[in-house]
N, C-alpha and C. Protein backbone atom coordinates (compact mmCIF):
# COMPACT_ATOMS: atom_id res chain seq x y z
N MET A 1 -16.29 -26.40 -2.97
CA MET A 1 -15.69 -26.73 -2.09
C MET A 1 -14.75 -25.07 -2.55
N ILE A 2 -14.44 -24.41 -1.33
CA ILE A 2 -13.92 -23.09 -1.52
C ILE A 2 -12.21 -23.82 -1.14
N VAL A 3 -11.75 -23.29 -2.46
CA VAL A 3 -10.07 -23.40 -2.55
C VAL A 3 -9.42 -22.06 -1.93
N GLY A 4 -9.83 -21.72 -2.14
CA GLY A 4 -9.04 -20.10 -2.06
C GLY A 4 -9.36 -18.55 -2.54
N SER A 5 -9.37 -17.66 -2.04
CA SER A 5 -10.07 -16.41 -2.78
C SER A 5 -8.41 -15.10 -3.30
N LEU A 6 -9.23 -14.30 -4.07
CA LEU A 6 -8.78 -13.01 -4.63
C LEU A 6 -9.35 -12.30 -4.26
N GLY A 7 -9.36 -11.67 -3.22
CA GLY A 7 -10.30 -10.56 -2.62
C GLY A 7 -11.80 -11.44 -2.92
N ASN A 8 -12.51 -10.91 -4.27
CA ASN A 8 -14.38 -11.39 -3.54
C ASN A 8 -14.34 -12.19 -4.52
N TYR A 9 -13.04 -12.68 -5.64
CA TYR A 9 -13.51 -13.45 -6.51
C TYR A 9 -12.34 -15.36 -6.00
N ILE A 10 -13.86 -15.70 -6.03
CA ILE A 10 -13.75 -17.06 -5.06
C ILE A 10 -13.35 -18.09 -6.21
N PHE A 11 -12.03 -19.23 -5.61
CA PHE A 11 -11.96 -20.30 -6.24
C PHE A 11 -12.51 -21.86 -5.27
N PHE A 12 -13.23 -22.25 -6.57
CA PHE A 12 -14.51 -23.49 -5.89
C PHE A 12 -14.43 -24.24 -6.95
N THR A 13 -14.72 -25.43 -6.20
CA THR A 13 -14.83 -26.76 -6.71
C THR A 13 -15.18 -27.92 -6.82
N SER A 14 -16.14 -28.53 -7.14
CA SER A 14 -17.21 -29.25 -6.57
C SER A 14 -17.40 -29.95 -7.60
N SER A 15 -18.34 -31.36 -8.14
CA SER A 15 -18.85 -31.77 -9.30
C SER A 15 -19.87 -31.39 -10.03
N LEU A 16 -20.15 -30.06 -9.22
CA LEU A 16 -20.64 -29.56 -10.81
C LEU A 16 -20.89 -27.93 -11.39
N TYR A 17 -19.39 -27.77 -10.49
CA TYR A 17 -18.86 -26.60 -10.45
C TYR A 17 -17.17 -26.44 -10.17
N THR A 18 -16.59 -26.03 -11.53
CA THR A 18 -15.12 -25.82 -11.44
C THR A 18 -14.47 -24.39 -11.96
N LYS A 19 -13.58 -23.57 -10.59
CA LYS A 19 -12.89 -22.63 -11.16
C LYS A 19 -12.39 -22.23 -9.95
N THR A 20 -11.08 -22.91 -10.19
CA THR A 20 -9.68 -22.79 -9.85
C THR A 20 -8.30 -22.29 -10.37
N TYR A 21 -7.25 -22.68 -9.68
CA TYR A 21 -6.03 -22.03 -10.32
C TYR A 21 -5.74 -23.40 -10.10
N ASN A 22 -4.66 -23.13 -11.32
CA ASN A 22 -3.21 -24.12 -11.48
C ASN A 22 -1.91 -23.15 -11.93
N SER A 23 -0.66 -24.15 -11.37
CA SER A 23 0.72 -23.29 -12.28
C SER A 23 0.99 -22.11 -11.39
N PHE A 24 0.58 -22.67 -9.93
CA PHE A 24 1.07 -21.67 -9.11
C PHE A 24 2.13 -21.30 -9.22
N SER A 25 3.00 -20.04 -8.92
CA SER A 25 4.25 -19.62 -8.60
C SER A 25 4.81 -18.58 -8.30
N ARG A 26 5.62 -18.13 -6.92
CA ARG A 26 5.62 -17.56 -6.42
C ARG A 26 7.60 -17.07 -6.32
N SER A 27 7.43 -15.70 -6.52
CA SER A 27 9.43 -15.41 -6.46
C SER A 27 8.89 -14.10 -5.87
N MET A 28 10.75 -14.46 -4.38
CA MET A 28 10.41 -13.20 -3.70
C MET A 28 12.36 -13.12 -4.09
N SER A 29 13.03 -12.14 -3.69
CA SER A 29 14.18 -11.46 -4.42
C SER A 29 14.48 -9.80 -3.24
N SER A 30 15.93 -9.78 -3.24
CA SER A 30 16.73 -8.98 -2.30
C SER A 30 16.98 -7.53 -3.18
N ARG A 31 17.40 -6.95 -2.40
CA ARG A 31 18.34 -5.99 -3.05
C ARG A 31 19.31 -5.68 -2.80
N TRP A 32 20.99 -5.60 -3.43
CA TRP A 32 22.13 -5.43 -2.30
C TRP A 32 23.11 -4.23 -3.02
N ILE A 33 23.12 -3.34 -2.58
CA ILE A 33 24.40 -2.07 -3.22
C ILE A 33 25.54 -2.74 -3.62
N GLU A 34 26.54 -2.48 -3.87
CA GLU A 34 27.65 -2.59 -4.28
C GLU A 34 28.77 -1.77 -3.95
N HIS A 35 29.97 -1.93 -3.55
CA HIS A 35 30.33 -0.22 -2.74
C HIS A 35 31.66 -0.99 -3.30
N LYS A 36 31.98 -0.35 -4.55
CA LYS A 36 33.79 -0.36 -5.33
C LYS A 36 34.78 -0.06 -4.18
N ILE A 37 36.10 -1.02 -4.35
CA ILE A 37 36.77 -0.16 -3.98
C ILE A 37 38.49 -0.40 -4.49
N ILE A 38 38.69 0.59 -4.44
CA ILE A 38 40.01 0.76 -5.43
C ILE A 38 41.22 -0.76 -5.07
N GLY A 39 41.50 -1.29 -6.32
CA GLY A 39 41.98 -2.36 -5.60
C GLY A 39 41.54 -3.51 -5.18
N GLU A 40 40.46 -3.31 -5.06
CA GLU A 40 40.04 -4.71 -4.10
C GLU A 40 38.64 -5.00 -4.55
N LYS A 41 38.13 -6.48 -4.58
CA LYS A 41 37.29 -6.72 -4.60
C LYS A 41 36.15 -5.52 -4.03
N PRO A 42 34.91 -6.05 -4.72
CA PRO A 42 34.07 -5.07 -4.05
C PRO A 42 32.89 -5.30 -2.86
N LYS A 43 32.68 -4.61 -2.29
CA LYS A 43 31.77 -4.96 -0.60
C LYS A 43 30.36 -4.83 -1.20
N ILE A 44 29.70 -5.85 -0.92
CA ILE A 44 28.12 -5.36 -0.86
C ILE A 44 27.07 -5.40 0.62
N GLN A 45 26.29 -4.86 0.83
CA GLN A 45 25.33 -4.59 1.26
C GLN A 45 23.96 -4.90 1.39
N PHE A 46 23.21 -5.84 2.04
CA PHE A 46 22.11 -5.44 2.22
C PHE A 46 21.39 -4.63 2.13
N ASP A 47 20.21 -4.29 1.45
CA ASP A 47 19.26 -2.69 1.47
C ASP A 47 17.79 -3.54 0.88
N GLY A 48 17.24 -4.53 1.39
CA GLY A 48 16.32 -4.64 1.40
C GLY A 48 15.73 -5.54 0.68
N LEU A 49 13.88 -5.99 1.14
CA LEU A 49 13.32 -7.21 0.19
C LEU A 49 12.50 -6.65 -1.22
N GLU A 50 12.59 -6.82 -2.28
CA GLU A 50 11.57 -6.27 -2.74
C GLU A 50 10.74 -6.58 -3.39
N LEU A 51 9.46 -6.31 -3.69
CA LEU A 51 7.92 -6.93 -3.80
C LEU A 51 8.10 -8.19 -3.87
N GLU A 52 6.89 -9.37 -3.65
CA GLU A 52 6.92 -10.38 -4.09
C GLU A 52 6.21 -10.65 -5.39
N ASN A 53 6.31 -11.27 -6.22
CA ASN A 53 5.77 -11.70 -7.69
C ASN A 53 4.97 -12.97 -7.31
N ILE A 54 3.45 -13.10 -7.53
CA ILE A 54 3.13 -14.46 -7.96
C ILE A 54 2.63 -14.48 -9.58
N SER A 55 2.49 -15.32 -9.65
CA SER A 55 1.69 -16.03 -11.20
C SER A 55 0.85 -17.27 -11.40
N PHE A 56 -0.47 -17.55 -12.03
CA PHE A 56 -1.22 -18.73 -11.48
C PHE A 56 -1.74 -18.74 -12.98
N SER A 57 -2.21 -19.74 -13.23
CA SER A 57 -3.26 -19.73 -14.43
C SER A 57 -4.28 -20.27 -13.78
N ILE A 58 -5.20 -19.82 -14.53
CA ILE A 58 -7.16 -20.00 -14.11
C ILE A 58 -7.35 -20.92 -15.70
N HIS A 59 -8.52 -21.83 -14.98
CA HIS A 59 -9.07 -22.45 -16.45
C HIS A 59 -10.70 -22.11 -16.12
N LEU A 60 -10.87 -21.49 -17.44
CA LEU A 60 -12.44 -21.50 -17.08
C LEU A 60 -13.05 -22.01 -18.59
N ASN A 61 -14.00 -23.05 -17.81
CA ASN A 61 -14.91 -23.85 -19.07
C ASN A 61 -16.28 -23.74 -19.22
N ARG A 62 -16.72 -23.74 -20.26
CA ARG A 62 -18.09 -23.67 -19.94
C ARG A 62 -18.83 -25.13 -19.86
N PHE A 63 -18.43 -26.25 -19.66
CA PHE A 63 -18.27 -27.40 -19.56
C PHE A 63 -18.93 -27.86 -17.67
N PHE A 64 -18.35 -26.97 -17.16
CA PHE A 64 -17.73 -26.73 -15.79
C PHE A 64 -18.63 -25.58 -14.98
N LYS A 65 -19.84 -25.46 -15.35
CA LYS A 65 -20.93 -24.35 -15.45
C LYS A 65 -20.40 -22.77 -14.79
N VAL A 66 -19.19 -22.32 -16.06
CA VAL A 66 -18.51 -21.37 -15.70
C VAL A 66 -19.06 -20.21 -16.56
N ASN A 67 -19.53 -19.17 -16.31
CA ASN A 67 -19.74 -17.99 -17.64
C ASN A 67 -18.30 -17.42 -17.59
N VAL A 68 -17.58 -17.96 -18.79
CA VAL A 68 -16.52 -17.54 -19.24
C VAL A 68 -15.67 -16.36 -19.27
N ASP A 69 -17.35 -15.32 -20.21
CA ASP A 69 -16.83 -13.95 -20.58
C ASP A 69 -16.96 -12.92 -18.67
N LYS A 70 -18.05 -13.41 -18.06
CA LYS A 70 -18.13 -13.19 -17.37
C LYS A 70 -17.09 -12.73 -15.71
N GLU A 71 -16.44 -13.96 -15.98
CA GLU A 71 -15.31 -13.98 -15.13
C GLU A 71 -14.40 -13.64 -15.49
N LYS A 72 -13.84 -13.21 -16.77
CA LYS A 72 -12.81 -12.57 -17.32
C LYS A 72 -12.52 -10.97 -17.02
N LYS A 73 -14.24 -10.86 -17.26
CA LYS A 73 -14.51 -9.32 -16.81
C LYS A 73 -14.22 -9.16 -15.63
N LYS A 74 -14.48 -9.84 -14.43
CA LYS A 74 -13.91 -9.24 -13.29
C LYS A 74 -12.58 -9.26 -12.67
N LEU A 75 -12.30 -9.97 -13.42
CA LEU A 75 -10.72 -10.12 -12.89
C LEU A 75 -10.24 -8.65 -13.61
N GLU A 76 -10.60 -8.66 -15.28
CA GLU A 76 -10.02 -7.18 -15.68
C GLU A 76 -10.65 -5.76 -15.21
N ALA A 77 -11.80 -6.36 -14.36
CA ALA A 77 -11.78 -4.86 -13.94
C ALA A 77 -11.09 -4.46 -13.05
N PHE A 78 -10.82 -5.65 -12.05
CA PHE A 78 -9.42 -5.66 -10.78
C PHE A 78 -8.35 -4.82 -11.22
N LEU A 79 -7.77 -5.46 -12.10
CA LEU A 79 -6.80 -5.22 -13.10
C LEU A 79 -6.90 -3.41 -13.34
N LYS A 80 -7.86 -2.62 -13.88
CA LYS A 80 -8.21 -1.47 -14.29
C LYS A 80 -8.37 -0.68 -13.45
N GLU A 81 -8.86 -1.23 -12.43
CA GLU A 81 -9.41 -0.17 -11.13
C GLU A 81 -7.51 0.07 -10.08
N GLY A 82 -7.28 -1.06 -10.23
CA GLY A 82 -5.60 -1.21 -9.63
C GLY A 82 -6.55 -1.54 -7.97
N LYS A 83 -7.10 -2.23 -8.21
CA LYS A 83 -7.84 -3.03 -6.93
C LYS A 83 -6.78 -3.29 -6.20
N VAL A 84 -6.46 -2.99 -4.91
CA VAL A 84 -5.64 -4.24 -4.01
C VAL A 84 -6.55 -5.63 -2.94
N LEU A 85 -6.11 -6.76 -3.46
CA LEU A 85 -7.08 -7.68 -3.20
C LEU A 85 -6.18 -8.87 -2.27
N ARG A 86 -6.67 -9.49 -1.28
CA ARG A 86 -6.26 -10.28 -0.57
C ARG A 86 -6.40 -11.80 -0.99
N LEU A 87 -5.32 -12.19 -0.72
CA LEU A 87 -4.80 -13.51 -1.83
C LEU A 87 -5.40 -14.69 -0.35
N ILE A 88 -5.89 -15.44 -0.33
CA ILE A 88 -6.04 -16.58 0.21
C ILE A 88 -6.12 -18.10 -0.50
N LEU A 89 -5.40 -18.90 -0.02
CA LEU A 89 -5.19 -20.09 -0.44
C LEU A 89 -5.09 -21.42 0.26
N GLY A 90 -6.15 -21.82 0.41
CA GLY A 90 -5.92 -23.20 1.52
C GLY A 90 -6.05 -22.48 3.08
N GLY A 91 -6.84 -21.34 2.93
CA GLY A 91 -7.29 -21.31 4.29
C GLY A 91 -6.51 -20.18 4.68
N LYS A 92 -5.19 -19.87 4.18
CA LYS A 92 -4.09 -19.57 4.41
C LYS A 92 -4.14 -17.94 3.66
N LYS A 93 -4.30 -17.10 4.71
CA LYS A 93 -4.29 -15.63 4.48
C LYS A 93 -2.40 -15.47 4.03
N ILE A 94 -2.24 -15.07 2.46
CA ILE A 94 -1.03 -14.95 1.55
C ILE A 94 -0.19 -14.00 1.64
N GLY A 95 -1.53 -12.94 1.43
CA GLY A 95 -1.11 -11.49 1.48
C GLY A 95 -1.81 -10.33 0.62
N ASN A 96 -1.65 -9.44 0.80
CA ASN A 96 -2.50 -8.31 -0.26
C ASN A 96 -1.54 -8.58 -1.77
N TYR A 97 -2.17 -7.98 -2.93
CA TYR A 97 -1.39 -8.19 -4.00
C TYR A 97 -2.44 -7.37 -5.18
N VAL A 98 -1.66 -6.93 -6.14
CA VAL A 98 -2.50 -6.33 -6.80
C VAL A 98 -2.11 -7.12 -8.18
N ILE A 99 -3.57 -6.90 -9.08
CA ILE A 99 -2.69 -7.40 -10.72
C ILE A 99 -2.25 -6.66 -11.74
N THR A 100 -1.43 -7.18 -12.03
CA THR A 100 -0.56 -6.50 -13.14
C THR A 100 -0.21 -7.21 -14.38
N SER A 101 -0.81 -7.70 -14.80
CA SER A 101 -1.15 -8.23 -16.17
C SER A 101 -1.87 -9.61 -15.96
N ILE A 102 -3.13 -9.93 -17.30
CA ILE A 102 -4.06 -10.26 -17.30
C ILE A 102 -3.62 -11.17 -18.48
N GLY A 103 -3.13 -12.41 -18.76
CA GLY A 103 -3.00 -12.92 -20.68
C GLY A 103 -4.31 -14.24 -20.88
N GLU A 104 -4.85 -13.92 -22.15
CA GLU A 104 -5.81 -14.98 -22.01
C GLU A 104 -5.80 -15.97 -23.70
N ASP A 105 -5.84 -17.40 -23.34
CA ASP A 105 -5.51 -17.71 -24.19
C ASP A 105 -6.86 -18.67 -24.27
N PRO A 106 -7.70 -18.16 -25.46
CA PRO A 106 -9.11 -18.96 -25.68
C PRO A 106 -8.64 -20.13 -26.31
N LYS A 107 -9.50 -21.50 -25.99
CA LYS A 107 -8.81 -22.83 -26.01
C LYS A 107 -10.24 -23.72 -26.41
N GLY A 108 -11.41 -22.41 -26.69
CA GLY A 108 -12.58 -23.58 -27.68
C GLY A 108 -13.67 -22.05 -28.00
N TYR A 109 -14.44 -22.56 -29.06
CA TYR A 109 -15.60 -21.44 -29.02
C TYR A 109 -16.84 -22.15 -29.86
N ASN A 110 -18.17 -21.49 -29.67
CA ASN A 110 -19.19 -21.76 -29.85
C ASN A 110 -19.28 -21.22 -31.27
N ALA A 111 -20.52 -21.93 -31.99
CA ALA A 111 -20.83 -21.40 -33.48
C ALA A 111 -21.36 -20.30 -33.70
N PHE A 112 -21.26 -18.74 -32.69
CA PHE A 112 -20.90 -18.00 -32.63
C PHE A 112 -19.68 -17.15 -33.01
N GLY A 113 -18.71 -18.38 -32.39
CA GLY A 113 -17.34 -17.37 -32.12
C GLY A 113 -17.21 -16.82 -30.72
N VAL A 114 -17.46 -16.92 -29.84
CA VAL A 114 -17.62 -17.04 -28.54
C VAL A 114 -17.07 -18.15 -27.64
N PRO A 115 -15.67 -17.93 -26.79
CA PRO A 115 -15.04 -18.52 -26.56
C PRO A 115 -15.55 -19.31 -25.27
N THR A 116 -15.46 -20.61 -25.44
CA THR A 116 -16.31 -21.27 -24.24
C THR A 116 -15.22 -21.91 -23.63
N LYS A 117 -13.96 -21.62 -23.84
CA LYS A 117 -13.08 -22.26 -22.43
C LYS A 117 -11.57 -21.24 -23.07
N MET A 118 -11.23 -21.04 -21.86
CA MET A 118 -10.17 -20.22 -21.96
C MET A 118 -9.30 -20.43 -20.77
N ASP A 119 -7.78 -20.24 -20.55
CA ASP A 119 -6.78 -20.39 -19.85
C ASP A 119 -6.52 -18.40 -19.75
N LEU A 120 -6.53 -18.26 -18.15
CA LEU A 120 -5.78 -17.05 -17.53
C LEU A 120 -5.43 -17.12 -17.58
N LYS A 121 -3.72 -16.16 -17.56
CA LYS A 121 -2.13 -16.12 -17.17
C LYS A 121 -2.31 -15.25 -16.23
N ILE A 122 -2.61 -14.83 -14.83
CA ILE A 122 -2.60 -13.90 -13.76
C ILE A 122 -1.61 -13.92 -13.51
N GLU A 123 -0.72 -12.68 -13.22
CA GLU A 123 0.50 -11.81 -12.72
C GLU A 123 0.34 -11.21 -11.45
N LEU A 124 0.60 -11.13 -10.30
CA LEU A 124 0.88 -9.98 -8.99
C LEU A 124 1.71 -9.72 -8.57
N LYS A 125 1.85 -8.85 -7.97
CA LYS A 125 2.97 -7.70 -7.78
C LYS A 125 2.17 -7.41 -6.16
N GLU A 126 2.96 -7.78 -4.95
CA GLU A 126 2.28 -7.80 -3.57
C GLU A 126 2.18 -5.84 -3.45
N TYR A 127 1.01 -5.88 -2.01
CA TYR A 127 1.09 -4.48 -2.24
C TYR A 127 1.68 -4.53 -0.89
N ASN A 128 2.14 -3.26 -0.94
CA ASN A 128 3.35 -3.01 0.76
C ASN A 128 2.41 -1.79 1.12
């Protein structure tokens, strides 16, 4: 079952294969200009919206038929190329984003020191 996608990176889950996201968080903020007035409190004026930020984790695990290194390199290529990616979750388009950072946390290794389990922390910024 397809859970969503980030560009052509598909989040998919089944009884034989699992590659999906968790710990999803989205933040929005606005800009305000402060006008100082002598002898009075300042006045503020709405100046617009900032770009949205999204962060989530992806758990990659060889036990769930995921090639950990290959999947990590796909996401790193998006970051290095500055690729604009459409984020779709649950069949709903969230928007266009770029990957601003990828953090990796290996959780297990095989006998050759190659990671077999890894958590990736992905941070996105809205592309406008």
